[in-house]
Amino acid sequence: MRWNLRLAAANRGIWQASDLQRLLAERGLVISAGKMSHLWSGQPASIKLADLDVICAVLGCEVGEVLIPEPEKLPQPDSTEAEQATANERPTPRVLPRRRDGRSLPPT
């Protein structure tokens, strides 16, 4: 995922982190200057969904504008490893049900 807060804010005429911080505070989300700086210029390691809701409400945008998926950056499985894994798979053993009281089941 790519964090896109700065561009989403710029599209709405918000050019400074302090302006966004003030608007968020008006909606009840008080963010420290350090955390706001990291949200504005970095890639946050985590963010609360409630905070993301407030950010989207202030900016008037959808979550997909602030968080952009990047599936192409995910590691792709190696085709030769996948083929070897399927070739080396053992057949799944058959599971036989047993009664809990220790008695055997009738023959099938």
PDB file of N, CA and C in Angstrom:
ATOM      1  N   MET A   1       0.837  -1.180   0.000  1.00  0.00           N
ATOM      2  CA  MET A   1       0.000   0.000   0.000  1.00  0.00           C
ATOM      3  C   MET A   1       0.885   1.248   0.000  1.00  0.00           C
ATOM      4  N   ARG A   2       0.423   2.230  -0.704  1.00  0.00           N
ATOM      5  CA  ARG A   2       1.136   3.506  -0.746  1.00  0.00           C
ATOM      6  C   ARG A   2       0.290   4.548  -0.040  1.00  0.00           C
ATOM      7  N   TRP A   3       0.907   5.277   0.869  1.00  0.00           N
ATOM      8  CA  TRP A   3       0.255   6.338   1.629  1.00  0.00           C
ATOM      9  C   TRP A   3       0.265   7.589   0.775  1.00  0.00           C
ATOM     10  N   ASN A   4      -0.901   8.166   0.544  1.00  0.00           N
ATOM     11  CA  ASN A   4      -1.052   9.253  -0.410  1.00  0.00           C
ATOM     12  C   ASN A   4      -1.722  10.473   0.207  1.00  0.00           C
ATOM     13  N   LEU A   5      -1.507  10.710   1.493  1.00  0.00           N
ATOM     14  CA  LEU A   5      -2.199  11.790   2.203  1.00  0.00           C
ATOM     15  C   LEU A   5      -1.859  13.159   1.629  1.00  0.00           C
ATOM     16  N   ARG A   6      -0.603  13.378   1.359  1.00  0.00           N
ATOM     17  CA  ARG A   6      -0.180  14.714   0.918  1.00  0.00           C
ATOM     18  C   ARG A   6      -0.838  15.110  -0.403  1.00  0.00           C
ATOM     19  N   LEU A   7      -0.898  14.178  -1.346  1.00  0.00           N
ATOM     20  CA  LEU A   7      -1.519  14.480  -2.631  1.00  0.00           C
ATOM     21  C   LEU A   7      -3.027  14.636  -2.490  1.00  0.00           C
ATOM     22  N   ALA A   8      -3.649  13.794  -1.670  1.00  0.00           N
ATOM     23  CA  ALA A   8      -5.089  13.905  -1.450  1.00  0.00           C
ATOM     24  C   ALA A   8      -5.433  15.256  -0.829  1.00  0.00           C
ATOM     25  N   ALA A   9      -4.600  15.723   0.093  1.00  0.00           N
ATOM     26  CA  ALA A   9      -4.824  17.027   0.716  1.00  0.00           C
ATOM     27  C   ALA A   9      -4.590  18.160  -0.289  1.00  0.00           C
ATOM     28  N   ALA A  10      -3.536  18.031  -1.096  1.00  0.00           N
ATOM     29  CA  ALA A  10      -3.225  19.079  -2.086  1.00  0.00           C
ATOM     30  C   ALA A  10      -4.351  19.215  -3.105  1.00  0.00           C
ATOM     31  N   ASN A  11      -4.990  18.108  -3.451  1.00  0.00           N
ATOM     32  CA  ASN A  11      -6.117  18.158  -4.395  1.00  0.00           C
ATOM     33  C   ASN A  11      -7.287  18.957  -3.838  1.00  0.00           C
ATOM     34  N   ARG A  12      -7.289  19.182  -2.524  1.00  0.00           N
ATOM     35  CA  ARG A  12      -8.358  19.944  -1.881  1.00  0.00           C
ATOM     36  C   ARG A  12      -7.871  21.300  -1.368  1.00  0.00           C
ATOM     37  N   GLY A  13      -6.708  21.719  -1.829  1.00  0.00           N
ATOM     38  CA  GLY A  13      -6.191  23.035  -1.463  1.00  0.00           C
ATOM     39  C   GLY A  13      -5.531  23.098  -0.095  1.00  0.00           C
ATOM     40  N   ILE A  14      -5.213  21.978   0.495  1.00  0.00           N
ATOM     41  CA  ILE A  14      -4.524  21.957   1.785  1.00  0.00           C
ATOM     42  C   ILE A  14      -3.049  21.669   1.492  1.00  0.00           C
ATOM     43  N   TRP A  15      -2.207  22.687   1.698  1.00  0.00           N
ATOM     44  CA  TRP A  15      -0.812  22.586   1.297  1.00  0.00           C
ATOM     45  C   TRP A  15       0.144  22.406   2.459  1.00  0.00           C
ATOM     46  N   GLN A  16      -0.329  22.595   3.680  1.00  0.00           N
ATOM     47  CA  GLN A  16       0.558  22.473   4.840  1.00  0.00           C
ATOM     48  C   GLN A  16      -0.024  21.497   5.844  1.00  0.00           C
ATOM     49  N   ALA A  17       0.869  20.753   6.489  1.00  0.00           N
ATOM     50  CA  ALA A  17       0.453  19.776   7.491  1.00  0.00           C
ATOM     51  C   ALA A  17      -0.281  20.451   8.646  1.00  0.00           C
ATOM     52  N   SER A  18       0.154  21.659   8.999  1.00  0.00           N
ATOM     53  CA  SER A  18      -0.481  22.356  10.117  1.00  0.00           C
ATOM     54  C   SER A  18      -1.942  22.699   9.810  1.00  0.00           C
ATOM     55  N   ASP A  19      -2.240  23.000   8.546  1.00  0.00           N
ATOM     56  CA  ASP A  19      -3.635  23.283   8.165  1.00  0.00           C
ATOM     57  C   ASP A  19      -4.497  22.039   8.316  1.00  0.00           C
ATOM     58  N   LEU A  20      -3.977  20.891   7.867  1.00  0.00           N
ATOM     59  CA  LEU A  20      -4.715  19.644   8.002  1.00  0.00           C
ATOM     60  C   LEU A  20      -4.842  19.260   9.473  1.00  0.00           C
ATOM     61  N   GLN A  21      -3.786  19.485  10.233  1.00  0.00           N
ATOM     62  CA  GLN A  21      -3.810  19.172  11.666  1.00  0.00           C
ATOM     63  C   GLN A  21      -4.919  19.980  12.364  1.00  0.00           C
ATOM     64  N   ARG A  22      -5.067  21.240  12.003  1.00  0.00           N
ATOM     65  CA  ARG A  22      -6.108  22.085  12.590  1.00  0.00           C
ATOM     66  C   ARG A  22      -7.499  21.588  12.206  1.00  0.00           C
ATOM     67  N   LEU A  23      -7.683  21.207  10.944  1.00  0.00           N
ATOM     68  CA  LEU A  23      -8.979  20.702  10.494  1.00  0.00           C
ATOM     69  C   LEU A  23      -9.334  19.377  11.177  1.00  0.00           C
ATOM     70  N   LEU A  24      -8.330  18.534  11.376  1.00  0.00           N
ATOM     71  CA  LEU A  24      -8.565  17.264  12.071  1.00  0.00           C
ATOM     72  C   LEU A  24      -8.950  17.514  13.528  1.00  0.00           C
ATOM     73  N   ALA A  25      -8.287  18.485  14.157  1.00  0.00           N
ATOM     74  CA  ALA A  25      -8.599  18.813  15.548  1.00  0.00           C
ATOM     75  C   ALA A  25     -10.025  19.327  15.676  1.00  0.00           C
ATOM     76  N   GLU A  26     -10.501  20.074  14.687  1.00  0.00           N
ATOM     77  CA  GLU A  26     -11.878  20.566  14.704  1.00  0.00           C
ATOM     78  C   GLU A  26     -12.882  19.420  14.655  1.00  0.00           C
ATOM     79  N   ARG A  27     -12.480  18.297  14.082  1.00  0.00           N
ATOM     80  CA  ARG A  27     -13.335  17.100  14.004  1.00  0.00           C
ATOM     81  C   ARG A  27     -13.096  16.137  15.160  1.00  0.00           C
ATOM     82  N   GLY A  28     -12.238  16.541  16.125  1.00  0.00           N
ATOM     83  CA  GLY A  28     -12.024  15.712  17.308  1.00  0.00           C
ATOM     84  C   GLY A  28     -10.809  14.813  17.266  1.00  0.00           C
ATOM     85  N   LEU A  29     -10.009  14.882  16.219  1.00  0.00           N
ATOM     86  CA  LEU A  29      -8.801  14.065  16.118  1.00  0.00           C
ATOM     87  C   LEU A  29      -7.591  14.961  16.364  1.00  0.00           C
ATOM     88  N   VAL A  30      -7.099  14.931  17.601  1.00  0.00           N
ATOM     89  CA  VAL A  30      -5.938  15.746  17.968  1.00  0.00           C
ATOM     90  C   VAL A  30      -4.692  14.904  17.744  1.00  0.00           C
ATOM     91  N   ILE A  31      -3.814  15.397  16.877  1.00  0.00           N
ATOM     92  CA  ILE A  31      -2.587  14.686  16.513  1.00  0.00           C
ATOM     93  C   ILE A  31      -1.397  15.545  16.906  1.00  0.00           C
ATOM     94  N   SER A  32      -0.394  14.916  17.514  1.00  0.00           N
ATOM     95  CA  SER A  32       0.818  15.651  17.894  1.00  0.00           C
ATOM     96  C   SER A  32       1.555  16.108  16.636  1.00  0.00           C
ATOM     97  N   ALA A  33       2.418  17.099  16.813  1.00  0.00           N
ATOM     98  CA  ALA A  33       3.175  17.635  15.674  1.00  0.00           C
ATOM     99  C   ALA A  33       4.073  16.566  15.058  1.00  0.00           C
ATOM    100  N   GLY A  34       4.672  15.735  15.905  1.00  0.00           N
ATOM    101  CA  GLY A  34       5.556  14.682  15.400  1.00  0.00           C
ATOM    102  C   GLY A  34       4.800  13.647  14.582  1.00  0.00           C
ATOM    103  N   LYS A  35       3.654  13.208  15.090  1.00  0.00           N
ATOM    104  CA  LYS A  35       2.865  12.222  14.353  1.00  0.00           C
ATOM    105  C   LYS A  35       2.310  12.831  13.072  1.00  0.00           C
ATOM    106  N   MET A  36       1.903  14.099  13.132  1.00  0.00           N
ATOM    107  CA  MET A  36       1.378  14.760  11.942  1.00  0.00           C
ATOM    108  C   MET A  36       2.459  14.878  10.871  1.00  0.00           C
ATOM    109  N   SER A  37       3.676  15.174  11.310  1.00  0.00           N
ATOM    110  CA  SER A  37       4.790  15.271  10.370  1.00  0.00           C
ATOM    111  C   SER A  37       5.030  13.932   9.681  1.00  0.00           C
ATOM    112  N   HIS A  38       4.946  12.857  10.456  1.00  0.00           N
ATOM    113  CA  HIS A  38       5.156  11.529   9.881  1.00  0.00           C
ATOM    114  C   HIS A  38       4.018  11.155   8.927  1.00  0.00           C
ATOM    115  N   LEU A  39       2.781  11.480   9.292  1.00  0.00           N
ATOM    116  CA  LEU A  39       1.654  11.198   8.406  1.00  0.00           C
ATOM    117  C   LEU A  39       1.759  12.001   7.110  1.00  0.00           C
ATOM    118  N   TRP A  40       2.240  13.221   7.231  1.00  0.00           N
ATOM    119  CA  TRP A  40       2.309  14.125   6.087  1.00  0.00           C
ATOM    120  C   TRP A  40       3.434  13.756   5.130  1.00  0.00           C
ATOM    121  N   SER A  41       4.598  13.418   5.668  1.00  0.00           N
ATOM    122  CA  SER A  41       5.758  13.226   4.807  1.00  0.00           C
ATOM    123  C   SER A  41       6.257  11.792   4.719  1.00  0.00           C
ATOM    124  N   GLY A  42       5.707  10.897   5.505  1.00  0.00           N
ATOM    125  CA  GLY A  42       6.224   9.529   5.501  1.00  0.00           C
ATOM    126  C   GLY A  42       5.184   8.499   5.153  1.00  0.00           C
ATOM    127  N   GLN A  43       5.516   7.284   5.491  1.00  0.00           N
ATOM    128  CA  GLN A  43       4.632   6.141   5.304  1.00  0.00           C
ATOM    129  C   GLN A  43       4.359   5.586   6.688  1.00  0.00           C
ATOM    130  N   PRO A  44       3.172   5.815   7.257  1.00  0.00           N
ATOM    131  CA  PRO A  44       2.927   5.348   8.619  1.00  0.00           C
ATOM    132  C   PRO A  44       2.956   3.822   8.700  1.00  0.00           C
ATOM    133  N   ALA A  45       3.541   3.313   9.786  1.00  0.00           N
ATOM    134  CA  ALA A  45       3.582   1.866   9.991  1.00  0.00           C
ATOM    135  C   ALA A  45       2.192   1.347  10.309  1.00  0.00           C
ATOM    136  N   SER A  46       1.407   2.161  10.998  1.00  0.00           N
ATOM    137  CA  SER A  46       0.028   1.772  11.317  1.00  0.00           C
ATOM    138  C   SER A  46      -0.803   3.037  11.495  1.00  0.00           C
ATOM    139  N   ILE A  47      -2.103   2.855  11.318  1.00  0.00           N
ATOM    140  CA  ILE A  47      -3.030   3.951  11.539  1.00  0.00           C
ATOM    141  C   ILE A  47      -4.359   3.340  11.984  1.00  0.00           C
ATOM    142  N   LYS A  48      -4.981   3.956  12.945  1.00  0.00           N
ATOM    143  CA  LYS A  48      -6.260   3.460  13.433  1.00  0.00           C
ATOM    144  C   LYS A  48      -7.331   3.721  12.376  1.00  0.00           C
ATOM    145  N   LEU A  49      -8.239   2.776  12.244  1.00  0.00           N
ATOM    146  CA  LEU A  49      -9.314   2.947  11.270  1.00  0.00           C
ATOM    147  C   LEU A  49     -10.192   4.146  11.606  1.00  0.00           C
ATOM    148  N   ALA A  50     -10.387   4.398  12.883  1.00  0.00           N
ATOM    149  CA  ALA A  50     -11.180   5.567  13.291  1.00  0.00           C
ATOM    150  C   ALA A  50     -10.493   6.856  12.849  1.00  0.00           C
ATOM    151  N   ASP A  51      -9.151   6.906  12.974  1.00  0.00           N
ATOM    152  CA  ASP A  51      -8.404   8.083  12.526  1.00  0.00           C
ATOM    153  C   ASP A  51      -8.496   8.233  11.010  1.00  0.00           C
ATOM    154  N   LEU A  52      -8.434   7.111  10.307  1.00  0.00           N
ATOM    155  CA  LEU A  52      -8.550   7.143   8.848  1.00  0.00           C
ATOM    156  C   LEU A  52      -9.925   7.644   8.422  1.00  0.00           C
ATOM    157  N   ASP A  53     -10.949   7.267   9.177  1.00  0.00           N
ATOM    158  CA  ASP A  53     -12.302   7.777   8.905  1.00  0.00           C
ATOM    159  C   ASP A  53     -12.358   9.290   9.028  1.00  0.00           C
ATOM    160  N   VAL A  54     -11.736   9.835  10.073  1.00  0.00           N
ATOM    161  CA  VAL A  54     -11.747  11.284  10.279  1.00  0.00           C
ATOM    162  C   VAL A  54     -10.966  11.982   9.170  1.00  0.00           C
ATOM    163  N   ILE A  55      -9.821  11.420   8.806  1.00  0.00           N
ATOM    164  CA  ILE A  55      -9.009  12.017   7.731  1.00  0.00           C
ATOM    165  C   ILE A  55      -9.822  12.069   6.442  1.00  0.00           C
ATOM    166  N   CYS A  56     -10.490  10.967   6.112  1.00  0.00           N
ATOM    167  CA  CYS A  56     -11.289  10.934   4.884  1.00  0.00           C
ATOM    168  C   CYS A  56     -12.482  11.889   4.960  1.00  0.00           C
ATOM    169  N   ALA A  57     -13.077  12.023   6.143  1.00  0.00           N
ATOM    170  CA  ALA A  57     -14.200  12.948   6.295  1.00  0.00           C
ATOM    171  C   ALA A  57     -13.739  14.392   6.116  1.00  0.00           C
ATOM    172  N   VAL A  58     -12.593  14.736   6.689  1.00  0.00           N
ATOM    173  CA  VAL A  58     -12.064  16.102   6.566  1.00  0.00           C
ATOM    174  C   VAL A  58     -11.708  16.412   5.118  1.00  0.00           C
ATOM    175  N   LEU A  59     -11.087  15.436   4.438  1.00  0.00           N
ATOM    176  CA  LEU A  59     -10.676  15.667   3.053  1.00  0.00           C
ATOM    177  C   LEU A  59     -11.823  15.461   2.068  1.00  0.00           C
ATOM    178  N   GLY A  60     -12.910  14.840   2.524  1.00  0.00           N
ATOM    179  CA  GLY A  60     -14.023  14.565   1.622  1.00  0.00           C
ATOM    180  C   GLY A  60     -13.635  13.580   0.543  1.00  0.00           C
ATOM    181  N   CYS A  61     -12.924  12.530   0.933  1.00  0.00           N
ATOM    182  CA  CYS A  61     -12.454  11.555  -0.048  1.00  0.00           C
ATOM    183  C   CYS A  61     -12.747  10.138   0.433  1.00  0.00           C
ATOM    184  N   GLU A  62     -12.503   9.192  -0.427  1.00  0.00           N
ATOM    185  CA  GLU A  62     -12.633   7.781  -0.104  1.00  0.00           C
ATOM    186  C   GLU A  62     -11.279   7.262   0.378  1.00  0.00           C
ATOM    187  N   VAL A  63     -11.298   6.139   1.074  1.00  0.00           N
ATOM    188  CA  VAL A  63     -10.069   5.536   1.597  1.00  0.00           C
ATOM    189  C   VAL A  63      -9.099   5.209   0.455  1.00  0.00           C
ATOM    190  N   GLY A  64      -9.638   4.810  -0.690  1.00  0.00           N
ATOM    191  CA  GLY A  64      -8.806   4.456  -1.834  1.00  0.00           C
ATOM    192  C   GLY A  64      -7.990   5.602  -2.397  1.00  0.00           C
ATOM    193  N   GLU A  65      -8.319   6.819  -2.003  1.00  0.00           N
ATOM    194  CA  GLU A  65      -7.523   7.964  -2.458  1.00  0.00           C
ATOM    195  C   GLU A  65      -6.344   8.220  -1.527  1.00  0.00           C
ATOM    196  N   VAL A  66      -6.479   7.800  -0.275  1.00  0.00           N
ATOM    197  CA  VAL A  66      -5.414   7.993   0.706  1.00  0.00           C
ATOM    198  C   VAL A  66      -4.493   6.772   0.752  1.00  0.00           C
ATOM    199  N   LEU A  67      -5.073   5.587   0.624  1.00  0.00           N
ATOM    200  CA  LEU A  67      -4.314   4.336   0.589  1.00  0.00           C
ATOM    201  C   LEU A  67      -4.454   3.722  -0.792  1.00  0.00           C
ATOM    202  N   ILE A  68      -3.358   3.659  -1.521  1.00  0.00           N
ATOM    203  CA  ILE A  68      -3.399   3.135  -2.883  1.00  0.00           C
ATOM    204  C   ILE A  68      -2.747   1.760  -2.904  1.00  0.00           C
ATOM    205  N   PRO A  69      -3.494   0.723  -3.317  1.00  0.00           N
ATOM    206  CA  PRO A  69      -2.907  -0.618  -3.353  1.00  0.00           C
ATOM    207  C   PRO A  69      -1.839  -0.728  -4.434  1.00  0.00           C
ATOM    208  N   GLU A  70      -0.816  -1.512  -4.141  1.00  0.00           N
ATOM    209  CA  GLU A  70       0.264  -1.755  -5.091  1.00  0.00           C
ATOM    210  C   GLU A  70       0.528  -3.262  -5.174  1.00  0.00           C
ATOM    211  N   PRO A  71      -0.376  -4.009  -5.798  1.00  0.00           N
ATOM    212  CA  PRO A  71      -0.201  -5.463  -5.837  1.00  0.00           C
ATOM    213  C   PRO A  71       1.029  -5.902  -6.616  1.00  0.00           C
ATOM    214  N   GLU A  72       1.514  -5.075  -7.514  1.00  0.00           N
ATOM    215  CA  GLU A  72       2.701  -5.444  -8.296  1.00  0.00           C
ATOM    216  C   GLU A  72       3.962  -5.519  -7.434  1.00  0.00           C
ATOM    217  N   LYS A  73       3.939  -4.925  -6.257  1.00  0.00           N
ATOM    218  CA  LYS A  73       5.103  -4.958  -5.365  1.00  0.00           C
ATOM    219  C   LYS A  73       5.139  -6.202  -4.482  1.00  0.00           C
ATOM    220  N   LEU A  74       4.070  -7.017  -4.509  1.00  0.00           N
ATOM    221  CA  LEU A  74       4.054  -8.233  -3.717  1.00  0.00           C
ATOM    222  C   LEU A  74       4.988  -9.261  -4.335  1.00  0.00           C
ATOM    223  N   PRO A  75       5.689 -10.034  -3.509  1.00  0.00           N
ATOM    224  CA  PRO A  75       6.563 -11.068  -4.075  1.00  0.00           C
ATOM    225  C   PRO A  75       5.726 -12.135  -4.769  1.00  0.00           C
ATOM    226  N   GLN A  76       6.151 -12.494  -5.957  1.00  0.00           N
ATOM    227  CA  GLN A  76       5.453 -13.508  -6.735  1.00  0.00           C
ATOM    228  C   GLN A  76       6.101 -14.869  -6.484  1.00  0.00           C
ATOM    229  N   PRO A  77       5.305 -15.928  -6.380  1.00  0.00           N
ATOM    230  CA  PRO A  77       5.888 -17.244  -6.164  1.00  0.00           C
ATOM    231  C   PRO A  77       6.670 -17.680  -7.396  1.00  0.00           C
ATOM    232  N   ASP A  78       7.775 -18.348  -7.154  1.00  0.00           N
ATOM    233  CA  ASP A  78       8.603 -18.865  -8.234  1.00  0.00           C
ATOM    234  C   ASP A  78       7.902 -20.079  -8.823  1.00  0.00           C
ATOM    235  N   SER A  79       7.757 -20.128 -10.137  1.00  0.00           N
ATOM    236  CA  SER A  79       6.994 -21.207 -10.764  1.00  0.00           C
ATOM    237  C   SER A  79       7.659 -22.563 -10.556  1.00  0.00           C
ATOM    238  N   THR A  80       8.987 -22.628 -10.547  1.00  0.00           N
ATOM    239  CA  THR A  80       9.655 -23.918 -10.347  1.00  0.00           C
ATOM    240  C   THR A  80       9.463 -24.420  -8.924  1.00  0.00           C
ATOM    241  N   GLU A  81       9.448 -23.509  -7.946  1.00  0.00           N
ATOM    242  CA  GLU A  81       9.199 -23.914  -6.562  1.00  0.00           C
ATOM    243  C   GLU A  81       7.781 -24.423  -6.405  1.00  0.00           C
ATOM    244  N   ALA A  82       6.828 -23.789  -7.058  1.00  0.00           N
ATOM    245  CA  ALA A  82       5.439 -24.217  -6.965  1.00  0.00           C
ATOM    246  C   ALA A  82       5.261 -25.599  -7.586  1.00  0.00           C
ATOM    247  N   GLU A  83       5.942 -25.842  -8.720  1.00  0.00           N
ATOM    248  CA  GLU A  83       5.850 -27.152  -9.365  1.00  0.00           C
ATOM    249  C   GLU A  83       6.467 -28.237  -8.495  1.00  0.00           C
ATOM    250  N   GLN A  84       7.601 -27.945  -7.865  1.00  0.00           N
ATOM    251  CA  GLN A  84       8.247 -28.916  -6.991  1.00  0.00           C
ATOM    252  C   GLN A  84       7.384 -29.209  -5.773  1.00  0.00           C
ATOM    253  N   ALA A  85       6.730 -28.201  -5.247  1.00  0.00           N
ATOM    254  CA  ALA A  85       5.885 -28.390  -4.069  1.00  0.00           C
ATOM    255  C   ALA A  85       4.713 -29.303  -4.401  1.00  0.00           C
ATOM    256  N   THR A  86       4.108 -29.139  -5.581  1.00  0.00           N
ATOM    257  CA  THR A  86       2.985 -30.004  -5.939  1.00  0.00           C
ATOM    258  C   THR A  86       3.460 -31.410  -6.255  1.00  0.00           C
ATOM    259  N   ALA A  87       4.668 -31.555  -6.806  1.00  0.00           N
ATOM    260  CA  ALA A  87       5.197 -32.881  -7.119  1.00  0.00           C
ATOM    261  C   ALA A  87       5.552 -33.640  -5.846  1.00  0.00           C
ATOM    262  N   ASN A  88       5.981 -32.937  -4.807  1.00  0.00           N
ATOM    263  CA  ASN A  88       6.403 -33.580  -3.563  1.00  0.00           C
ATOM    264  C   ASN A  88       5.270 -33.775  -2.566  1.00  0.00           C
ATOM    265  N   GLU A  89       4.069 -33.335  -2.911  1.00  0.00           N
ATOM    266  CA  GLU A  89       2.956 -33.461  -1.979  1.00  0.00           C
ATOM    267  C   GLU A  89       2.584 -34.922  -1.799  1.00  0.00           C
ATOM    268  N   ARG A  90       2.341 -35.277  -0.579  1.00  0.00           N
ATOM    269  CA  ARG A  90       1.901 -36.630  -0.268  1.00  0.00           C
ATOM    270  C   ARG A  90       0.383 -36.649  -0.263  1.00  0.00           C
ATOM    271  N   PRO A  91      -0.198 -37.811  -0.557  1.00  0.00           N
ATOM    272  CA  PRO A  91      -1.660 -37.862  -0.481  1.00  0.00           C
ATOM    273  C   PRO A  91      -2.122 -37.621   0.954  1.00  0.00           C
ATOM    274  N   THR A  92      -3.226 -36.936   1.078  1.00  0.00           N
ATOM    275  CA  THR A  92      -3.767 -36.612   2.390  1.00  0.00           C
ATOM    276  C   THR A  92      -4.295 -37.888   3.044  1.00  0.00           C
ATOM    277  N   PRO A  93      -3.872 -38.172   4.278  1.00  0.00           N
ATOM    278  CA  PRO A  93      -4.364 -39.393   4.925  1.00  0.00           C
ATOM    279  C   PRO A  93      -5.865 -39.285   5.200  1.00  0.00           C
ATOM    280  N   ARG A  94      -6.528 -40.426   5.137  1.00  0.00           N
ATOM    281  CA  ARG A  94      -7.961 -40.465   5.370  1.00  0.00           C
ATOM    282  C   ARG A  94      -8.215 -40.366   6.872  1.00  0.00           C
ATOM    283  N   VAL A  95      -9.120 -39.493   7.247  1.00  0.00           N
ATOM    284  CA  VAL A  95      -9.458 -39.300   8.651  1.00  0.00           C
ATOM    285  C   VAL A  95     -10.666 -40.161   8.964  1.00  0.00           C
ATOM    286  N   LEU A  96     -10.529 -41.004   9.986  1.00  0.00           N
ATOM    287  CA  LEU A  96     -11.630 -41.867  10.389  1.00  0.00           C
ATOM    288  C   LEU A  96     -12.259 -41.315  11.652  1.00  0.00           C
ATOM    289  N   PRO A  97     -13.569 -41.156  11.667  1.00  0.00           N
ATOM    290  CA  PRO A  97     -14.211 -40.634  12.870  1.00  0.00           C
ATOM    291  C   PRO A  97     -14.188 -41.674  13.991  1.00  0.00           C
ATOM    292  N   ARG A  98     -14.072 -41.210  15.206  1.00  0.00           N
ATOM    293  CA  ARG A  98     -14.094 -42.077  16.379  1.00  0.00           C
ATOM    294  C   ARG A  98     -15.077 -41.514  17.380  1.00  0.00           C
ATOM    295  N   ARG A  99     -15.687 -42.396  18.085  1.00  0.00           N
ATOM    296  CA  ARG A  99     -16.615 -41.965  19.119  1.00  0.00           C
ATOM    297  C   ARG A  99     -15.844 -41.453  20.308  1.00  0.00           C
ATOM    298  N   ARG A 100     -16.432 -40.547  21.036  1.00  0.00           N
ATOM    299  CA  ARG A 100     -15.752 -39.958  22.190  1.00  0.00           C
ATOM    300  C   ARG A 100     -15.769 -40.871  23.412  1.00  0.00           C
ATOM    301  N   ASP A 101     -16.716 -41.790  23.449  1.00  0.00           N
ATOM    302  CA  ASP A 101     -16.794 -42.651  24.624  1.00  0.00           C
ATOM    303  C   ASP A 101     -15.899 -43.883  24.510  1.00  0.00           C
ATOM    304  N   GLY A 102     -15.106 -43.994  23.466  1.00  0.00           N
ATOM    305  CA  GLY A 102     -14.164 -45.084  23.327  1.00  0.00           C
ATOM    306  C   GLY A 102     -14.707 -46.286  22.590  1.00  0.00           C
ATOM    307  N   ARG A 103     -15.993 -46.347  22.377  1.00  0.00           N
ATOM    308  CA  ARG A 103     -16.559 -47.489  21.677  1.00  0.00           C
ATOM    309  C   ARG A 103     -16.287 -47.352  20.187  1.00  0.00           C
ATOM    310  N   SER A 104     -16.213 -48.461  19.507  1.00  0.00           N
ATOM    311  CA  SER A 104     -15.954 -48.442  18.072  1.00  0.00           C
ATOM    312  C   SER A 104     -17.248 -48.171  17.311  1.00  0.00           C
ATOM    313  N   LEU A 105     -17.088 -47.715  16.096  1.00  0.00           N
ATOM    314  CA  LEU A 105     -18.230 -47.469  15.235  1.00  0.00           C
ATOM    315  C   LEU A 105     -18.615 -48.755  14.516  1.00  0.00           C
ATOM    316  N   PRO A 106     -19.841 -48.854  14.073  1.00  0.00           N
ATOM    317  CA  PRO A 106     -20.238 -50.047  13.315  1.00  0.00           C
ATOM    318  C   PRO A 106     -19.463 -50.131  12.004  1.00  0.00           C
ATOM    319  N   PRO A 107     -19.262 -51.344  11.478  1.00  0.00           N
ATOM    320  CA  PRO A 107     -18.505 -51.478  10.228  1.00  0.00           C
ATOM    321  C   PRO A 107     -19.224 -50.769   9.077  1.00  0.00           C
ATOM    322  N   THR A 108     -18.439 -50.326   8.120  1.00  0.00           N
ATOM    323  CA  THR A 108     -19.012 -49.626   6.966  1.00  0.00           C
ATOM    324  C   THR A 108     -19.227 -50.546   5.812  1.00  0.00           C
TER     325      THR A 108
END
